[in-house]
Amino acid sequence: MGAGLAFKHLYAYGLTGELVEGGDEYIASLDIEELPEIITLADKDWDGAPLDVNEEGTSILEL
């Protein structure tokens, strides 16, 4: 299993809390039975919260 495959599945899960297509099989191949729950901005109902990006490309979310 290559690093690209791990990145595809685990990075997407980290961002969305959901596995992409084929993710279940990939996780099973690693003998992982359960992934931790990922809390996203959508789960917190922060849709529309002000998000700014500064000159360095750093994003700042004001709550």
N, C-alpha and C. Protein backbone atom coordinates (compact mmCIF):
# COMPACT_ATOMS: atom_id res chain seq x y z
N MET A 1 0.84 -1.17 0.00
CA MET A 1 0.00 0.00 0.00
C MET A 1 0.90 1.24 0.00
N GLY A 2 0.66 2.11 -0.94
CA GLY A 2 1.48 3.30 -1.06
C GLY A 2 0.98 4.46 -0.23
N ALA A 3 1.86 5.43 -0.09
CA ALA A 3 1.51 6.63 0.67
C ALA A 3 0.38 7.40 -0.01
N GLY A 4 0.33 7.37 -1.34
CA GLY A 4 -0.72 8.08 -2.06
C GLY A 4 -2.10 7.53 -1.74
N LEU A 5 -2.19 6.22 -1.60
CA LEU A 5 -3.47 5.59 -1.28
C LEU A 5 -3.89 5.95 0.15
N ALA A 6 -2.95 5.93 1.07
CA ALA A 6 -3.26 6.32 2.45
C ALA A 6 -3.70 7.77 2.50
N PHE A 7 -3.01 8.63 1.78
CA PHE A 7 -3.37 10.05 1.75
C PHE A 7 -4.78 10.23 1.22
N LYS A 8 -5.09 9.55 0.13
CA LYS A 8 -6.41 9.67 -0.50
C LYS A 8 -7.52 9.36 0.50
N HIS A 9 -7.36 8.27 1.21
CA HIS A 9 -8.43 7.84 2.10
C HIS A 9 -8.43 8.56 3.44
N LEU A 10 -7.29 8.68 4.06
CA LEU A 10 -7.25 9.24 5.40
C LEU A 10 -7.36 10.76 5.41
N TYR A 11 -6.81 11.43 4.42
CA TYR A 11 -6.93 12.88 4.36
C TYR A 11 -8.38 13.28 4.11
N ALA A 12 -9.02 12.61 3.18
CA ALA A 12 -10.43 12.90 2.91
C ALA A 12 -11.28 12.66 4.15
N TYR A 13 -11.00 11.59 4.88
CA TYR A 13 -11.74 11.30 6.10
C TYR A 13 -11.50 12.39 7.14
N GLY A 14 -10.28 12.86 7.25
CA GLY A 14 -9.96 13.91 8.20
C GLY A 14 -10.67 15.21 7.90
N LEU A 15 -10.90 15.49 6.63
CA LEU A 15 -11.58 16.73 6.25
C LEU A 15 -13.10 16.64 6.37
N THR A 16 -13.64 15.50 5.99
CA THR A 16 -15.10 15.40 5.89
C THR A 16 -15.76 14.51 6.93
N GLY A 17 -14.96 13.64 7.55
CA GLY A 17 -15.54 12.67 8.47
C GLY A 17 -16.21 11.51 7.77
N GLU A 18 -16.03 11.44 6.45
CA GLU A 18 -16.61 10.35 5.66
C GLU A 18 -15.53 9.73 4.79
N LEU A 19 -15.64 8.43 4.56
CA LEU A 19 -14.69 7.75 3.69
C LEU A 19 -15.09 7.92 2.23
N VAL A 20 -14.10 8.08 1.36
CA VAL A 20 -14.37 8.12 -0.07
C VAL A 20 -14.61 6.70 -0.56
N GLU A 21 -15.02 6.58 -1.80
CA GLU A 21 -15.29 5.27 -2.39
C GLU A 21 -14.06 4.37 -2.25
N GLY A 22 -14.26 3.18 -1.76
CA GLY A 22 -13.17 2.23 -1.55
C GLY A 22 -12.50 2.37 -0.19
N GLY A 23 -12.91 3.36 0.57
CA GLY A 23 -12.30 3.60 1.87
C GLY A 23 -12.54 2.49 2.88
N ASP A 24 -13.72 1.91 2.85
CA ASP A 24 -14.02 0.80 3.77
C ASP A 24 -13.06 -0.36 3.57
N GLU A 25 -12.81 -0.70 2.32
CA GLU A 25 -11.90 -1.81 2.02
C GLU A 25 -10.47 -1.47 2.43
N TYR A 26 -10.08 -0.22 2.19
CA TYR A 26 -8.73 0.21 2.56
C TYR A 26 -8.53 0.13 4.07
N ILE A 27 -9.48 0.64 4.83
CA ILE A 27 -9.39 0.61 6.29
C ILE A 27 -9.37 -0.83 6.79
N ALA A 28 -10.20 -1.68 6.21
CA ALA A 28 -10.22 -3.10 6.61
C ALA A 28 -8.88 -3.77 6.31
N SER A 29 -8.23 -3.38 5.23
CA SER A 29 -6.93 -3.98 4.89
C SER A 29 -5.85 -3.62 5.90
N LEU A 30 -6.08 -2.56 6.67
CA LEU A 30 -5.14 -2.15 7.72
C LEU A 30 -5.50 -2.75 9.08
N ASP A 31 -6.51 -3.61 9.10
CA ASP A 31 -7.01 -4.22 10.34
C ASP A 31 -7.51 -3.18 11.33
N ILE A 32 -8.10 -2.11 10.81
CA ILE A 32 -8.72 -1.09 11.65
C ILE A 32 -10.21 -1.37 11.66
N GLU A 33 -10.76 -1.54 12.86
CA GLU A 33 -12.18 -1.87 12.96
C GLU A 33 -13.07 -0.64 13.04
N GLU A 34 -12.55 0.45 13.62
CA GLU A 34 -13.38 1.63 13.80
C GLU A 34 -12.51 2.88 13.74
N LEU A 35 -12.99 3.89 13.03
CA LEU A 35 -12.29 5.17 12.96
C LEU A 35 -12.89 6.14 13.97
N PRO A 36 -12.10 7.08 14.46
CA PRO A 36 -12.66 8.05 15.40
C PRO A 36 -13.65 8.97 14.70
N GLU A 37 -14.59 9.49 15.46
CA GLU A 37 -15.55 10.44 14.90
C GLU A 37 -14.83 11.75 14.62
N ILE A 38 -15.05 12.30 13.45
CA ILE A 38 -14.47 13.58 13.07
C ILE A 38 -15.57 14.63 13.14
N ILE A 39 -15.34 15.69 13.89
CA ILE A 39 -16.31 16.78 13.98
C ILE A 39 -15.90 17.86 12.98
N THR A 40 -16.78 18.18 12.05
CA THR A 40 -16.50 19.16 11.01
C THR A 40 -17.23 20.46 11.29
N LEU A 41 -16.92 21.49 10.53
CA LEU A 41 -17.63 22.77 10.67
C LEU A 41 -19.12 22.58 10.40
N ALA A 42 -19.45 21.73 9.45
CA ALA A 42 -20.87 21.49 9.15
C ALA A 42 -21.59 20.90 10.35
N ASP A 43 -20.90 20.05 11.13
CA ASP A 43 -21.51 19.48 12.33
C ASP A 43 -21.78 20.54 13.39
N LYS A 44 -20.99 21.59 13.39
CA LYS A 44 -21.13 22.65 14.39
C LYS A 44 -22.08 23.75 13.94
N ASP A 45 -22.66 23.61 12.76
CA ASP A 45 -23.59 24.60 12.21
C ASP A 45 -22.93 25.98 12.11
N TRP A 46 -21.69 26.00 11.62
CA TRP A 46 -20.95 27.24 11.45
C TRP A 46 -21.01 27.73 10.01
N ASP A 47 -21.94 27.21 9.24
CA ASP A 47 -22.06 27.63 7.85
C ASP A 47 -22.32 29.13 7.81
N GLY A 48 -21.54 29.84 7.01
CA GLY A 48 -21.68 31.27 6.90
C GLY A 48 -20.85 32.05 7.90
N ALA A 49 -20.09 31.36 8.77
CA ALA A 49 -19.23 32.07 9.72
C ALA A 49 -18.15 32.83 8.95
N PRO A 50 -17.77 34.02 9.44
CA PRO A 50 -16.78 34.81 8.70
C PRO A 50 -15.40 34.16 8.71
N LEU A 51 -14.88 33.91 7.53
CA LEU A 51 -13.56 33.31 7.35
C LEU A 51 -12.72 34.25 6.51
N ASP A 52 -11.58 34.67 7.02
CA ASP A 52 -10.68 35.56 6.31
C ASP A 52 -9.37 34.85 6.04
N VAL A 53 -8.69 35.26 4.98
CA VAL A 53 -7.37 34.74 4.64
C VAL A 53 -6.42 35.93 4.60
N ASN A 54 -5.31 35.83 5.37
CA ASN A 54 -4.36 36.94 5.40
C ASN A 54 -3.36 36.85 4.25
N GLU A 55 -2.41 37.77 4.23
CA GLU A 55 -1.43 37.84 3.13
C GLU A 55 -0.56 36.59 3.03
N GLU A 56 -0.34 35.92 4.15
CA GLU A 56 0.48 34.70 4.15
C GLU A 56 -0.32 33.45 3.76
N GLY A 57 -1.62 33.60 3.56
CA GLY A 57 -2.45 32.46 3.19
C GLY A 57 -3.03 31.72 4.38
N THR A 58 -2.90 32.28 5.57
CA THR A 58 -3.45 31.67 6.77
C THR A 58 -4.92 32.06 6.90
N SER A 59 -5.77 31.07 7.12
CA SER A 59 -7.19 31.36 7.27
C SER A 59 -7.52 31.59 8.75
N ILE A 60 -8.43 32.52 8.98
CA ILE A 60 -8.83 32.88 10.34
C ILE A 60 -10.36 32.84 10.39
N LEU A 61 -10.88 32.01 11.28
CA LEU A 61 -12.32 31.88 11.45
C LEU A 61 -12.73 32.61 12.71
N GLU A 62 -13.60 33.58 12.56
CA GLU A 62 -14.10 34.33 13.72
C GLU A 62 -15.41 33.71 14.19
N LEU A 63 -15.43 33.34 15.45
CA LEU A 63 -16.62 32.71 16.02
C LEU A 63 -17.33 33.66 16.93
